[in-house]
Amino acid sequence: MTQHSELLQEIENLLDFEHRIMIEGDLGKLSVVVERKEKLLQELMQQNNLGQDYLSILRKKAQQNQMLVGSVRAGIDAAMKRLQALQKAQDPLTVYDPSGKTSDLQKIAKKSLERRA
């Protein structure tokens, strides 16, 4: 196996690993993958006479992973919005008093509640 093909195979394996990480949701490992991918791509840029067929396979895998990254990001954003909505639902209800000022319904209820023994 030549140095070119070893490098290309290592990049392909790394792209497959990156894909698996995202599918499994183990996003903590992505930082290590990104660092390694950057180093391998720098090595690849220094190579001459690379097989275009194999490069197109790597390009396709990289594009698929990029689409998956977009989906993962959209999922994380949706989860964050949902958590924020749930947190906001726990906040006291804000209403307008007769003078037009906003006030928490909880505060109004406490003020108007009369306790008798």
PDB file of N, CA and C in Angstrom:
ATOM      1  N   MET A   1       0.855  -1.180   0.000  1.00  0.00           N
ATOM      2  CA  MET A   1       0.000   0.000   0.000  1.00  0.00           C
ATOM      3  C   MET A   1       0.895   1.235   0.000  1.00  0.00           C
ATOM      4  N   THR A   2       0.599   2.173  -0.898  1.00  0.00           N
ATOM      5  CA  THR A   2       1.424   3.371  -0.999  1.00  0.00           C
ATOM      6  C   THR A   2       1.054   4.359   0.095  1.00  0.00           C
ATOM      7  N   GLN A   3       1.905   5.365   0.237  1.00  0.00           N
ATOM      8  CA  GLN A   3       1.660   6.389   1.250  1.00  0.00           C
ATOM      9  C   GLN A   3       0.358   7.134   0.957  1.00  0.00           C
ATOM     10  N   HIS A   4       0.094   7.373  -0.356  1.00  0.00           N
ATOM     11  CA  HIS A   4      -1.149   8.050  -0.743  1.00  0.00           C
ATOM     12  C   HIS A   4      -2.359   7.244  -0.315  1.00  0.00           C
ATOM     13  N   SER A   5      -2.338   5.961  -0.644  1.00  0.00           N
ATOM     14  CA  SER A   5      -3.512   5.141  -0.351  1.00  0.00           C
ATOM     15  C   SER A   5      -3.688   4.942   1.154  1.00  0.00           C
ATOM     16  N   GLU A   6      -2.588   4.878   1.895  1.00  0.00           N
ATOM     17  CA  GLU A   6      -2.693   4.772   3.354  1.00  0.00           C
ATOM     18  C   GLU A   6      -3.343   6.032   3.939  1.00  0.00           C
ATOM     19  N   LEU A   7      -2.928   7.183   3.441  1.00  0.00           N
ATOM     20  CA  LEU A   7      -3.480   8.450   3.907  1.00  0.00           C
ATOM     21  C   LEU A   7      -4.966   8.536   3.556  1.00  0.00           C
ATOM     22  N   LEU A   8      -5.309   8.185   2.340  1.00  0.00           N
ATOM     23  CA  LEU A   8      -6.704   8.223   1.912  1.00  0.00           C
ATOM     24  C   LEU A   8      -7.559   7.243   2.717  1.00  0.00           C
ATOM     25  N   GLN A   9      -7.019   6.072   2.997  1.00  0.00           N
ATOM     26  CA  GLN A   9      -7.744   5.083   3.788  1.00  0.00           C
ATOM     27  C   GLN A   9      -7.951   5.574   5.220  1.00  0.00           C
ATOM     28  N   GLU A  10      -6.937   6.232   5.761  1.00  0.00           N
ATOM     29  CA  GLU A  10      -7.061   6.768   7.117  1.00  0.00           C
ATOM     30  C   GLU A  10      -8.125   7.868   7.171  1.00  0.00           C
ATOM     31  N   ILE A  11      -8.169   8.703   6.154  1.00  0.00           N
ATOM     32  CA  ILE A  11      -9.196   9.743   6.095  1.00  0.00           C
ATOM     33  C   ILE A  11     -10.582   9.117   5.982  1.00  0.00           C
ATOM     34  N   GLU A  12     -10.712   8.109   5.142  1.00  0.00           N
ATOM     35  CA  GLU A  12     -12.002   7.434   4.988  1.00  0.00           C
ATOM     36  C   GLU A  12     -12.444   6.799   6.307  1.00  0.00           C
ATOM     37  N   ASN A  13     -11.526   6.133   6.983  1.00  0.00           N
ATOM     38  CA  ASN A  13     -11.855   5.524   8.281  1.00  0.00           C
ATOM     39  C   ASN A  13     -12.288   6.584   9.293  1.00  0.00           C
ATOM     40  N   LEU A  14     -11.609   7.727   9.274  1.00  0.00           N
ATOM     41  CA  LEU A  14     -11.950   8.805  10.197  1.00  0.00           C
ATOM     42  C   LEU A  14     -13.334   9.376   9.879  1.00  0.00           C
ATOM     43  N   LEU A  15     -13.655   9.525   8.596  1.00  0.00           N
ATOM     44  CA  LEU A  15     -14.983  10.008   8.208  1.00  0.00           C
ATOM     45  C   LEU A  15     -16.065   9.015   8.630  1.00  0.00           C
ATOM     46  N   ASP A  16     -15.780   7.725   8.477  1.00  0.00           N
ATOM     47  CA  ASP A  16     -16.736   6.705   8.920  1.00  0.00           C
ATOM     48  C   ASP A  16     -16.923   6.759  10.437  1.00  0.00           C
ATOM     49  N   PHE A  17     -15.838   6.954  11.166  1.00  0.00           N
ATOM     50  CA  PHE A  17     -15.893   7.051  12.621  1.00  0.00           C
ATOM     51  C   PHE A  17     -16.692   8.293  13.041  1.00  0.00           C
ATOM     52  N   GLU A  18     -16.449   9.413  12.359  1.00  0.00           N
ATOM     53  CA  GLU A  18     -17.178  10.647  12.644  1.00  0.00           C
ATOM     54  C   GLU A  18     -18.682  10.430  12.431  1.00  0.00           C
ATOM     55  N   HIS A  19     -19.029   9.752  11.365  1.00  0.00           N
ATOM     56  CA  HIS A  19     -20.430   9.457  11.065  1.00  0.00           C
ATOM     57  C   HIS A  19     -21.052   8.615  12.179  1.00  0.00           C
ATOM     58  N   ARG A  20     -20.350   7.594  12.607  1.00  0.00           N
ATOM     59  CA  ARG A  20     -20.827   6.700  13.661  1.00  0.00           C
ATOM     60  C   ARG A  20     -21.024   7.461  14.982  1.00  0.00           C
ATOM     61  N   ILE A  21     -20.090   8.348  15.295  1.00  0.00           N
ATOM     62  CA  ILE A  21     -20.177   9.148  16.519  1.00  0.00           C
ATOM     63  C   ILE A  21     -21.453   9.987  16.518  1.00  0.00           C
ATOM     64  N   MET A  22     -21.732  10.620  15.382  1.00  0.00           N
ATOM     65  CA  MET A  22     -22.915  11.483  15.316  1.00  0.00           C
ATOM     66  C   MET A  22     -24.201  10.668  15.376  1.00  0.00           C
ATOM     67  N   ILE A  23     -24.221   9.517  14.735  1.00  0.00           N
ATOM     68  CA  ILE A  23     -25.403   8.658  14.763  1.00  0.00           C
ATOM     69  C   ILE A  23     -25.658   8.168  16.189  1.00  0.00           C
ATOM     70  N   GLU A  24     -24.596   7.804  16.900  1.00  0.00           N
ATOM     71  CA  GLU A  24     -24.733   7.292  18.263  1.00  0.00           C
ATOM     72  C   GLU A  24     -24.944   8.410  19.290  1.00  0.00           C
ATOM     73  N   GLY A  25     -24.699   9.655  18.879  1.00  0.00           N
ATOM     74  CA  GLY A  25     -24.915  10.781  19.787  1.00  0.00           C
ATOM     75  C   GLY A  25     -23.773  11.027  20.750  1.00  0.00           C
ATOM     76  N   ASP A  26     -22.608  10.447  20.493  1.00  0.00           N
ATOM     77  CA  ASP A  26     -21.451  10.628  21.377  1.00  0.00           C
ATOM     78  C   ASP A  26     -20.657  11.842  20.907  1.00  0.00           C
ATOM     79  N   LEU A  27     -21.263  13.013  21.014  1.00  0.00           N
ATOM     80  CA  LEU A  27     -20.707  14.230  20.432  1.00  0.00           C
ATOM     81  C   LEU A  27     -19.443  14.722  21.128  1.00  0.00           C
ATOM     82  N   GLY A  28     -19.163  14.248  22.316  1.00  0.00           N
ATOM     83  CA  GLY A  28     -17.955  14.643  23.025  1.00  0.00           C
ATOM     84  C   GLY A  28     -16.682  14.237  22.303  1.00  0.00           C
ATOM     85  N   LYS A  29     -16.770  13.201  21.495  1.00  0.00           N
ATOM     86  CA  LYS A  29     -15.595  12.720  20.765  1.00  0.00           C
ATOM     87  C   LYS A  29     -15.328  13.511  19.489  1.00  0.00           C
ATOM     88  N   LEU A  30     -16.256  14.367  19.094  1.00  0.00           N
ATOM     89  CA  LEU A  30     -16.098  15.095  17.833  1.00  0.00           C
ATOM     90  C   LEU A  30     -14.891  16.024  17.823  1.00  0.00           C
ATOM     91  N   SER A  31     -14.548  16.614  18.956  1.00  0.00           N
ATOM     92  CA  SER A  31     -13.413  17.541  18.975  1.00  0.00           C
ATOM     93  C   SER A  31     -12.116  16.832  18.601  1.00  0.00           C
ATOM     94  N   VAL A  32     -11.951  15.617  19.071  1.00  0.00           N
ATOM     95  CA  VAL A  32     -10.752  14.833  18.736  1.00  0.00           C
ATOM     96  C   VAL A  32     -10.758  14.498  17.246  1.00  0.00           C
ATOM     97  N   VAL A  33     -11.923  14.151  16.723  1.00  0.00           N
ATOM     98  CA  VAL A  33     -12.044  13.805  15.297  1.00  0.00           C
ATOM     99  C   VAL A  33     -11.720  15.012  14.432  1.00  0.00           C
ATOM    100  N   VAL A  34     -12.217  16.175  14.825  1.00  0.00           N
ATOM    101  CA  VAL A  34     -11.978  17.384  14.036  1.00  0.00           C
ATOM    102  C   VAL A  34     -10.494  17.706  13.987  1.00  0.00           C
ATOM    103  N   GLU A  35      -9.819  17.612  15.115  1.00  0.00           N
ATOM    104  CA  GLU A  35      -8.374  17.881  15.149  1.00  0.00           C
ATOM    105  C   GLU A  35      -7.619  16.920  14.237  1.00  0.00           C
ATOM    106  N   ARG A  36      -7.952  15.644  14.328  1.00  0.00           N
ATOM    107  CA  ARG A  36      -7.266  14.633  13.509  1.00  0.00           C
ATOM    108  C   ARG A  36      -7.583  14.834  12.031  1.00  0.00           C
ATOM    109  N   LYS A  37      -8.811  15.188  11.735  1.00  0.00           N
ATOM    110  CA  LYS A  37      -9.212  15.394  10.345  1.00  0.00           C
ATOM    111  C   LYS A  37      -8.459  16.579   9.742  1.00  0.00           C
ATOM    112  N   GLU A  38      -8.287  17.637  10.510  1.00  0.00           N
ATOM    113  CA  GLU A  38      -7.549  18.802  10.025  1.00  0.00           C
ATOM    114  C   GLU A  38      -6.105  18.436   9.680  1.00  0.00           C
ATOM    115  N   LYS A  39      -5.468  17.649  10.548  1.00  0.00           N
ATOM    116  CA  LYS A  39      -4.085  17.229  10.292  1.00  0.00           C
ATOM    117  C   LYS A  39      -3.996  16.362   9.039  1.00  0.00           C
ATOM    118  N   LEU A  40      -4.923  15.422   8.908  1.00  0.00           N
ATOM    119  CA  LEU A  40      -4.902  14.538   7.740  1.00  0.00           C
ATOM    120  C   LEU A  40      -5.171  15.309   6.453  1.00  0.00           C
ATOM    121  N   LEU A  41      -6.067  16.272   6.503  1.00  0.00           N
ATOM    122  CA  LEU A  41      -6.355  17.061   5.306  1.00  0.00           C
ATOM    123  C   LEU A  41      -5.167  17.943   4.923  1.00  0.00           C
ATOM    124  N   GLN A  42      -4.420  18.423   5.909  1.00  0.00           N
ATOM    125  CA  GLN A  42      -3.201  19.172   5.600  1.00  0.00           C
ATOM    126  C   GLN A  42      -2.189  18.271   4.899  1.00  0.00           C
ATOM    127  N   GLU A  43      -2.056  17.039   5.376  1.00  0.00           N
ATOM    128  CA  GLU A  43      -1.167  16.081   4.722  1.00  0.00           C
ATOM    129  C   GLU A  43      -1.648  15.792   3.302  1.00  0.00           C
ATOM    130  N   LEU A  44      -2.932  15.659   3.136  1.00  0.00           N
ATOM    131  CA  LEU A  44      -3.509  15.364   1.825  1.00  0.00           C
ATOM    132  C   LEU A  44      -3.239  16.494   0.834  1.00  0.00           C
ATOM    133  N   MET A  45      -3.311  17.732   1.310  1.00  0.00           N
ATOM    134  CA  MET A  45      -3.075  18.886   0.432  1.00  0.00           C
ATOM    135  C   MET A  45      -1.630  18.914  -0.087  1.00  0.00           C
ATOM    136  N   GLN A  46      -0.720  18.284   0.637  1.00  0.00           N
ATOM    137  CA  GLN A  46       0.687  18.268   0.232  1.00  0.00           C
ATOM    138  C   GLN A  46       0.999  17.149  -0.757  1.00  0.00           C
ATOM    139  N   GLN A  47       0.063  16.250  -0.962  1.00  0.00           N
ATOM    140  CA  GLN A  47       0.280  15.106  -1.835  1.00  0.00           C
ATOM    141  C   GLN A  47       0.031  15.490  -3.299  1.00  0.00           C
ATOM    142  N   ASN A  48       0.711  14.803  -4.179  1.00  0.00           N
ATOM    143  CA  ASN A  48       0.514  14.978  -5.612  1.00  0.00           C
ATOM    144  C   ASN A  48      -0.033  13.681  -6.194  1.00  0.00           C
ATOM    145  N   ASN A  49      -0.646  13.773  -7.351  1.00  0.00           N
ATOM    146  CA  ASN A  49      -1.131  12.598  -8.087  1.00  0.00           C
ATOM    147  C   ASN A  49      -2.096  11.739  -7.267  1.00  0.00           C
ATOM    148  N   LEU A  50      -3.067  12.372  -6.676  1.00  0.00           N
ATOM    149  CA  LEU A  50      -4.062  11.622  -5.921  1.00  0.00           C
ATOM    150  C   LEU A  50      -5.137  11.125  -6.875  1.00  0.00           C
ATOM    151  N   GLY A  51      -5.644   9.949  -6.611  1.00  0.00           N
ATOM    152  CA  GLY A  51      -6.684   9.369  -7.458  1.00  0.00           C
ATOM    153  C   GLY A  51      -7.995  10.129  -7.310  1.00  0.00           C
ATOM    154  N   GLN A  52      -8.483  10.676  -8.409  1.00  0.00           N
ATOM    155  CA  GLN A  52      -9.714  11.474  -8.377  1.00  0.00           C
ATOM    156  C   GLN A  52     -10.928  10.637  -7.987  1.00  0.00           C
ATOM    157  N   ASP A  53     -10.943   9.372  -8.363  1.00  0.00           N
ATOM    158  CA  ASP A  53     -12.065   8.514  -8.015  1.00  0.00           C
ATOM    159  C   ASP A  53     -12.178   8.377  -6.492  1.00  0.00           C
ATOM    160  N   TYR A  54     -11.061   8.128  -5.858  1.00  0.00           N
ATOM    161  CA  TYR A  54     -11.073   7.947  -4.408  1.00  0.00           C
ATOM    162  C   TYR A  54     -11.374   9.266  -3.708  1.00  0.00           C
ATOM    163  N   LEU A  55     -10.868  10.358  -4.252  1.00  0.00           N
ATOM    164  CA  LEU A  55     -11.150  11.669  -3.664  1.00  0.00           C
ATOM    165  C   LEU A  55     -12.640  11.996  -3.752  1.00  0.00           C
ATOM    166  N   SER A  56     -13.278  11.589  -4.833  1.00  0.00           N
ATOM    167  CA  SER A  56     -14.721  11.851  -4.946  1.00  0.00           C
ATOM    168  C   SER A  56     -15.508  11.039  -3.920  1.00  0.00           C
ATOM    169  N   ILE A  57     -15.038   9.835  -3.591  1.00  0.00           N
ATOM    170  CA  ILE A  57     -15.675   9.031  -2.543  1.00  0.00           C
ATOM    171  C   ILE A  57     -15.529   9.744  -1.192  1.00  0.00           C
ATOM    172  N   LEU A  58     -14.328  10.246  -0.917  1.00  0.00           N
ATOM    173  CA  LEU A  58     -14.096  10.966   0.344  1.00  0.00           C
ATOM    174  C   LEU A  58     -14.939  12.242   0.401  1.00  0.00           C
ATOM    175  N   ARG A  59     -15.038  12.936  -0.728  1.00  0.00           N
ATOM    176  CA  ARG A  59     -15.830  14.155  -0.785  1.00  0.00           C
ATOM    177  C   ARG A  59     -17.296  13.848  -0.478  1.00  0.00           C
ATOM    178  N   LYS A  60     -17.797  12.753  -1.046  1.00  0.00           N
ATOM    179  CA  LYS A  60     -19.192  12.372  -0.815  1.00  0.00           C
ATOM    180  C   LYS A  60     -19.422  12.049   0.664  1.00  0.00           C
ATOM    181  N   LYS A  61     -18.507  11.305   1.274  1.00  0.00           N
ATOM    182  CA  LYS A  61     -18.642  10.981   2.699  1.00  0.00           C
ATOM    183  C   LYS A  61     -18.583  12.242   3.553  1.00  0.00           C
ATOM    184  N   ALA A  62     -17.695  13.144   3.209  1.00  0.00           N
ATOM    185  CA  ALA A  62     -17.573  14.390   3.962  1.00  0.00           C
ATOM    186  C   ALA A  62     -18.854  15.217   3.838  1.00  0.00           C
ATOM    187  N   GLN A  63     -19.449  15.249   2.651  1.00  0.00           N
ATOM    188  CA  GLN A  63     -20.699  15.984   2.456  1.00  0.00           C
ATOM    189  C   GLN A  63     -21.836  15.355   3.260  1.00  0.00           C
ATOM    190  N   GLN A  64     -21.882  14.030   3.296  1.00  0.00           N
ATOM    191  CA  GLN A  64     -22.906  13.345   4.087  1.00  0.00           C
ATOM    192  C   GLN A  64     -22.747  13.676   5.568  1.00  0.00           C
ATOM    193  N   ASN A  65     -21.508  13.671   6.042  1.00  0.00           N
ATOM    194  CA  ASN A  65     -21.252  14.007   7.449  1.00  0.00           C
ATOM    195  C   ASN A  65     -21.628  15.458   7.727  1.00  0.00           C
ATOM    196  N   GLN A  66     -21.377  16.346   6.762  1.00  0.00           N
ATOM    197  CA  GLN A  66     -21.728  17.756   6.944  1.00  0.00           C
ATOM    198  C   GLN A  66     -23.238  17.923   7.066  1.00  0.00           C
ATOM    199  N   MET A  67     -23.990  17.180   6.268  1.00  0.00           N
ATOM    200  CA  MET A  67     -25.451  17.222   6.371  1.00  0.00           C
ATOM    201  C   MET A  67     -25.900  16.692   7.731  1.00  0.00           C
ATOM    202  N   LEU A  68     -25.229  15.648   8.191  1.00  0.00           N
ATOM    203  CA  LEU A  68     -25.560  15.069   9.489  1.00  0.00           C
ATOM    204  C   LEU A  68     -25.249  16.054  10.621  1.00  0.00           C
ATOM    205  N   VAL A  69     -24.152  16.788  10.489  1.00  0.00           N
ATOM    206  CA  VAL A  69     -23.807  17.812  11.481  1.00  0.00           C
ATOM    207  C   VAL A  69     -24.922  18.859  11.543  1.00  0.00           C
ATOM    208  N   GLY A  70     -25.445  19.254  10.381  1.00  0.00           N
ATOM    209  CA  GLY A  70     -26.549  20.205  10.347  1.00  0.00           C
ATOM    210  C   GLY A  70     -27.780  19.662  11.047  1.00  0.00           C
ATOM    211  N   SER A  71     -28.058  18.389  10.844  1.00  0.00           N
ATOM    212  CA  SER A  71     -29.214  17.769  11.502  1.00  0.00           C
ATOM    213  C   SER A  71     -29.012  17.675  13.006  1.00  0.00           C
ATOM    214  N   VAL A  72     -27.809  17.324  13.418  1.00  0.00           N
ATOM    215  CA  VAL A  72     -27.498  17.249  14.851  1.00  0.00           C
ATOM    216  C   VAL A  72     -27.668  18.626  15.487  1.00  0.00           C
ATOM    217  N   ARG A  73     -27.172  19.633  14.806  1.00  0.00           N
ATOM    218  CA  ARG A  73     -27.278  21.002  15.332  1.00  0.00           C
ATOM    219  C   ARG A  73     -28.746  21.430  15.440  1.00  0.00           C
ATOM    220  N   ALA A  74     -29.534  21.107  14.417  1.00  0.00           N
ATOM    221  CA  ALA A  74     -30.960  21.454  14.451  1.00  0.00           C
ATOM    222  C   ALA A  74     -31.654  20.737  15.607  1.00  0.00           C
ATOM    223  N   GLY A  75     -31.284  19.485  15.843  1.00  0.00           N
ATOM    224  CA  GLY A  75     -31.858  18.735  16.957  1.00  0.00           C
ATOM    225  C   GLY A  75     -31.499  19.328  18.301  1.00  0.00           C
ATOM    226  N   ILE A  76     -30.268  19.738  18.439  1.00  0.00           N
ATOM    227  CA  ILE A  76     -29.824  20.359  19.694  1.00  0.00           C
ATOM    228  C   ILE A  76     -30.544  21.685  19.901  1.00  0.00           C
ATOM    229  N   ASP A  77     -30.670  22.477  18.831  1.00  0.00           N
ATOM    230  CA  ASP A  77     -31.387  23.750  18.937  1.00  0.00           C
ATOM    231  C   ASP A  77     -32.844  23.526  19.339  1.00  0.00           C
ATOM    232  N   ALA A  78     -33.492  22.526  18.748  1.00  0.00           N
ATOM    233  CA  ALA A  78     -34.891  22.228  19.075  1.00  0.00           C
ATOM    234  C   ALA A  78     -35.018  21.797  20.534  1.00  0.00           C
ATOM    235  N   ALA A  79     -34.078  20.988  20.994  1.00  0.00           N
ATOM    236  CA  ALA A  79     -34.114  20.547  22.390  1.00  0.00           C
ATOM    237  C   ALA A  79     -33.917  21.723  23.337  1.00  0.00           C
ATOM    238  N   MET A  80     -33.021  22.638  22.988  1.00  0.00           N
ATOM    239  CA  MET A  80     -32.795  23.818  23.828  1.00  0.00           C
ATOM    240  C   MET A  80     -34.044  24.689  23.884  1.00  0.00           C
ATOM    241  N   LYS A  81     -34.703  24.866  22.750  1.00  0.00           N
ATOM    242  CA  LYS A  81     -35.927  25.676  22.729  1.00  0.00           C
ATOM    243  C   LYS A  81     -37.010  25.024  23.584  1.00  0.00           C
ATOM    244  N   ARG A  82     -37.108  23.712  23.498  1.00  0.00           N
ATOM    245  CA  ARG A  82     -38.115  22.999  24.293  1.00  0.00           C
ATOM    246  C   ARG A  82     -37.828  23.140  25.781  1.00  0.00           C
ATOM    247  N   LEU A  83     -36.556  23.004  26.164  1.00  0.00           N
ATOM    248  CA  LEU A  83     -36.187  23.163  27.574  1.00  0.00           C
ATOM    249  C   LEU A  83     -36.467  24.579  28.061  1.00  0.00           C
ATOM    250  N   GLN A  84     -36.204  25.573  27.211  1.00  0.00           N
ATOM    251  CA  GLN A  84     -36.490  26.954  27.585  1.00  0.00           C
ATOM    252  C   GLN A  84     -37.992  27.169  27.752  1.00  0.00           C
ATOM    253  N   ALA A  85     -38.786  26.553  26.878  1.00  0.00           N
ATOM    254  CA  ALA A  85     -40.242  26.675  26.982  1.00  0.00           C
ATOM    255  C   ALA A  85     -40.745  26.027  28.269  1.00  0.00           C
ATOM    256  N   LEU A  86     -40.177  24.883  28.616  1.00  0.00           N
ATOM    257  CA  LEU A  86     -40.573  24.222  29.856  1.00  0.00           C
ATOM    258  C   LEU A  86     -40.187  25.054  31.074  1.00  0.00           C
ATOM    259  N   GLN A  87     -39.015  25.656  31.003  1.00  0.00           N
ATOM    260  CA  GLN A  87     -38.563  26.490  32.111  1.00  0.00           C
ATOM    261  C   GLN A  87     -39.453  27.731  32.233  1.00  0.00           C
ATOM    262  N   LYS A  88     -39.816  28.318  31.096  1.00  0.00           N
ATOM    263  CA  LYS A  88     -40.664  29.504  31.116  1.00  0.00           C
ATOM    264  C   LYS A  88     -42.054  29.166  31.648  1.00  0.00           C
ATOM    265  N   ALA A  89     -42.521  27.961  31.380  1.00  0.00           N
ATOM    266  CA  ALA A  89     -43.838  27.548  31.868  1.00  0.00           C
ATOM    267  C   ALA A  89     -43.867  27.489  33.395  1.00  0.00           C
ATOM    268  N   GLN A  90     -42.740  27.310  34.015  1.00  0.00           N
ATOM    269  CA  GLN A  90     -42.680  27.274  35.477  1.00  0.00           C
ATOM    270  C   GLN A  90     -42.644  28.670  36.083  1.00  0.00           C
ATOM    271  N   ASP A  91     -42.338  29.666  35.265  1.00  0.00           N
ATOM    272  CA  ASP A  91     -42.322  31.042  35.765  1.00  0.00           C
ATOM    273  C   ASP A  91     -43.749  31.463  36.107  1.00  0.00           C
ATOM    274  N   PRO A  92     -43.890  32.407  37.044  1.00  0.00           N
ATOM    275  CA  PRO A  92     -45.243  32.857  37.386  1.00  0.00           C
ATOM    276  C   PRO A  92     -45.897  33.566  36.194  1.00  0.00           C
ATOM    277  N   LEU A  93     -47.201  33.486  36.136  1.00  0.00           N
ATOM    278  CA  LEU A  93     -47.966  34.108  35.068  1.00  0.00           C
ATOM    279  C   LEU A  93     -47.961  35.616  35.270  1.00  0.00           C
ATOM    280  N   THR A  94     -47.673  36.352  34.217  1.00  0.00           N
ATOM    281  CA  THR A  94     -47.660  37.809  34.281  1.00  0.00           C
ATOM    282  C   THR A  94     -48.980  38.328  33.720  1.00  0.00           C
ATOM    283  N   VAL A  95     -49.613  39.220  34.472  1.00  0.00           N
ATOM    284  CA  VAL A  95     -50.889  39.816  34.066  1.00  0.00           C
ATOM    285  C   VAL A  95     -50.801  41.326  34.231  1.00  0.00           C
ATOM    286  N   TYR A  96     -51.820  42.032  33.714  1.00  0.00           N
ATOM    287  CA  TYR A  96     -51.897  43.479  33.876  1.00  0.00           C
ATOM    288  C   TYR A  96     -52.861  43.805  35.016  1.00  0.00           C
ATOM    289  N   ASP A  97     -52.452  44.738  35.871  1.00  0.00           N
ATOM    290  CA  ASP A  97     -53.350  45.169  36.949  1.00  0.00           C
ATOM    291  C   ASP A  97     -54.248  46.288  36.411  1.00  0.00           C
ATOM    292  N   PRO A  98     -55.205  46.782  37.223  1.00  0.00           N
ATOM    293  CA  PRO A  98     -56.128  47.821  36.728  1.00  0.00           C
ATOM    294  C   PRO A  98     -55.442  49.093  36.239  1.00  0.00           C
ATOM    295  N   SER A  99     -54.241  49.377  36.749  1.00  0.00           N
ATOM    296  CA  SER A  99     -53.547  50.593  36.312  1.00  0.00           C
ATOM    297  C   SER A  99     -52.733  50.373  35.038  1.00  0.00           C
ATOM    298  N   GLY A 100     -52.698  49.128  34.542  1.00  0.00           N
ATOM    299  CA  GLY A 100     -51.972  48.842  33.304  1.00  0.00           C
ATOM    300  C   GLY A 100     -50.552  48.371  33.499  1.00  0.00           C
ATOM    301  N   LYS A 101     -50.145  48.227  34.738  1.00  0.00           N
ATOM    302  CA  LYS A 101     -48.792  47.741  35.022  1.00  0.00           C
ATOM    303  C   LYS A 101     -48.803  46.213  35.041  1.00  0.00           C
ATOM    304  N   THR A 102     -47.656  45.636  34.663  1.00  0.00           N
ATOM    305  CA  THR A 102     -47.564  44.175  34.717  1.00  0.00           C
ATOM    306  C   THR A 102     -47.260  43.737  36.134  1.00  0.00           C
ATOM    307  N   SER A 103     -47.807  42.598  36.478  1.00  0.00           N
ATOM    308  CA  SER A 103     -47.599  42.061  37.809  1.00  0.00           C
ATOM    309  C   SER A 103     -47.701  40.546  37.724  1.00  0.00           C
ATOM    310  N   ASP A 104     -46.990  39.875  38.604  1.00  0.00           N
ATOM    311  CA  ASP A 104     -47.070  38.412  38.667  1.00  0.00           C
ATOM    312  C   ASP A 104     -48.375  38.022  39.320  1.00  0.00           C
ATOM    313  N   LEU A 105     -49.067  37.084  38.724  1.00  0.00           N
ATOM    314  CA  LEU A 105     -50.327  36.612  39.267  1.00  0.00           C
ATOM    315  C   LEU A 105     -50.132  36.030  40.663  1.00  0.00           C
ATOM    316  N   GLN A 106     -48.990  35.424  40.890  1.00  0.00           N
ATOM    317  CA  GLN A 106     -48.681  34.827  42.187  1.00  0.00           C
ATOM    318  C   GLN A 106     -48.653  35.897  43.283  1.00  0.00           C
ATOM    319  N   LYS A 107     -48.076  37.073  42.971  1.00  0.00           N
ATOM    320  CA  LYS A 107     -48.003  38.159  43.956  1.00  0.00           C
ATOM    321  C   LYS A 107     -49.390  38.699  44.257  1.00  0.00           C
ATOM    322  N   ILE A 108     -50.211  38.825  43.224  1.00  0.00           N
ATOM    323  CA  ILE A 108     -51.567  39.327  43.412  1.00  0.00           C
ATOM    324  C   ILE A 108     -52.357  38.375  44.293  1.00  0.00           C
ATOM    325  N   ALA A 109     -52.231  37.098  44.043  1.00  0.00           N
ATOM    326  CA  ALA A 109     -52.965  36.096  44.820  1.00  0.00           C
ATOM    327  C   ALA A 109     -52.559  36.136  46.287  1.00  0.00           C
ATOM    328  N   LYS A 110     -51.278  36.330  46.563  1.00  0.00           N
ATOM    329  CA  LYS A 110     -50.804  36.377  47.954  1.00  0.00           C
ATOM    330  C   LYS A 110     -51.358  37.611  48.664  1.00  0.00           C
ATOM    331  N   LYS A 111     -51.424  38.750  47.962  1.00  0.00           N
ATOM    332  CA  LYS A 111     -51.911  39.987  48.563  1.00  0.00           C
ATOM    333  C   LYS A 111     -53.402  39.904  48.873  1.00  0.00           C
ATOM    334  N   SER A 112     -54.155  39.273  48.009  1.00  0.00           N
ATOM    335  CA  SER A 112     -55.611  39.265  48.182  1.00  0.00           C
ATOM    336  C   SER A 112     -56.116  38.100  49.005  1.00  0.00           C
ATOM    337  N   LEU A 113     -55.234  37.182  49.372  1.00  0.00           N
ATOM    338  CA  LEU A 113     -55.661  36.037  50.153  1.00  0.00           C
ATOM    339  C   LEU A 113     -55.790  36.428  51.626  1.00  0.00           C
ATOM    340  N   GLU A 114     -56.942  36.164  52.172  1.00  0.00           N
ATOM    341  CA  GLU A 114     -57.187  36.496  53.566  1.00  0.00           C
ATOM    342  C   GLU A 114     -57.308  35.200  54.343  1.00  0.00           C
ATOM    343  N   ARG A 115     -56.571  35.095  55.413  1.00  0.00           N
ATOM    344  CA  ARG A 115     -56.616  33.864  56.222  1.00  0.00           C
ATOM    345  C   ARG A 115     -57.361  34.139  57.504  1.00  0.00           C
ATOM    346  N   ARG A 116     -58.237  33.242  57.867  1.00  0.00           N
ATOM    347  CA  ARG A 116     -58.977  33.356  59.129  1.00  0.00           C
ATOM    348  C   ARG A 116     -58.826  32.088  59.925  1.00  0.00           C
ATOM    349  N   ALA A 117     -58.819  32.260  61.204  1.00  0.00           N
ATOM    350  CA  ALA A 117     -58.661  31.090  62.062  1.00  0.00           C
ATOM    351  C   ALA A 117     -59.971  30.416  62.344  1.00  0.00           C
TER     352      ALA A 117
END
